[in-house]
Amino acid sequence: MSVYRRKYKYNGRVCETSVWWCSYYIDGRRYRESTGETAKKKAKEWERNRMVARTGSGFNTEADHSRFCHLAQLVRDHYRRERNRSADRMELSLAHLERTFADYRLKHITRAAIGAFVETRLAEGAKPATVNRDLAQLRLGLRLAQEERLVQNPPKVKLLKERNIRTGFVDRPEMDTLLRLLPAYLRPLSLAGYWLGWRMRELLSREWQHVDLREGWLRLEPGETKNGQGRAFPLNELPELWEMLEAQHVKRREIEKATGRIVRHIFFHHDGARAGEPIRDFRHAWKKATQAAGLEGLLFHDLRRSAARNLVRAGIPEGVAMELIGHKTRSIFDRYCIVDEKMLREQTAKLRRLPRGEQRKVAGRIGG
């Protein structure tokens, strides 16, 4: 539904009527009527009363004319208003949804249609977690469309059960092998991921203004992280990482002197035509190196899991570890901090230091 003033030409000029008109759809047919009102607020009230009289409700029957493209635009507008940083992932999900629902009117997006979409995506090889990201955008779009009264009773969008939780991590010897096989420009980034546990986008966005080599801090400002909270890591506790950043700083100065280009990002290409440019996509180089290291299937994000385990092994309290890595909830932290056999042996070895009498008590309690 909408209200507007009709335009007409008078003496070669475009003029508007003083009276507001309304436009609305019923069963796909468009109607235009004069409200007889000169005030926009009263015209909208007249329009609502007219809809109630003609349809028995104040429901916006323009939904009969609305299609999936309107839903997609609502989602994009929502992301822009909220300044959501995952807009790229949203666009990918909308592209997946559009392949199925491009020609659908909103009222025809039913539970059966959604079920068919899910079956298609799974048949294409998409994991349940990936399909859920698509369904989340559809659910958001339907909710926004309902708020705009473009759809009256949208179907409930149920997410799939996710069983593809990753458990990959690397030990230090494996990490050393991987660092040797990676291109030189990726080694500093990978080492930072292994020790800090920060997300790839968080690391790639770091500029030299975010690091203090004198005091030994690397920072993420509030609003730059996924949870919106700032974060800082004390580099002086990790000499290897600190030395790496100092070497990056020297390399930066060399490139700036040779090319006249200002290198703002901490992680950048070291040589060739792209020297000094920030790293964007390194999937091919990463895949090649992990395969050569015998770590095929390892993701850069798995370094985040490795960092969580490293912090716990070092005896750092879990609350502090969560703060350093950027986990807000204990449940998410537990998913990342996987207890492996080596850690279990390290912890249970403490039992040997107990007196034999205490060992018997512990064994009795375990035996029930």
Foldseek 3Di string as FASTA:
>chain_A
DDKDWDWDDDPRDIDTDQWIKDWADDLRDIDIGTLRDNDPVVSVVSVQVVCCVVPVHSFRRCLSVAFVVVLLVLLVVVCVVVVAPVVVLLVVLSVLVCVQGVPPRQQPCAPVSLVVSVVVCVVVVDALVSVQSSLVSVQVSVVSCVVVSSDPDHYDRDGDDHDPQDDDADDPVLLVQLLVQFPVLCNLVLVCCLAQLEDSVQQLPFWPVQADLVQAKGKDPQCRDNVRHIAMDRRVVPVVNSVSQVVLVVLQVVCCVVPVDHQTHSRFDRDDPGHSPGDDDDVVSSQVSCVVSVNHPDDSSLSSLNNLQVCVLVVHDNVVSCRSNPHDDPVVSPSSNDDDPVNVCVVCVVLVVDPPVVNVVVVVVVVD
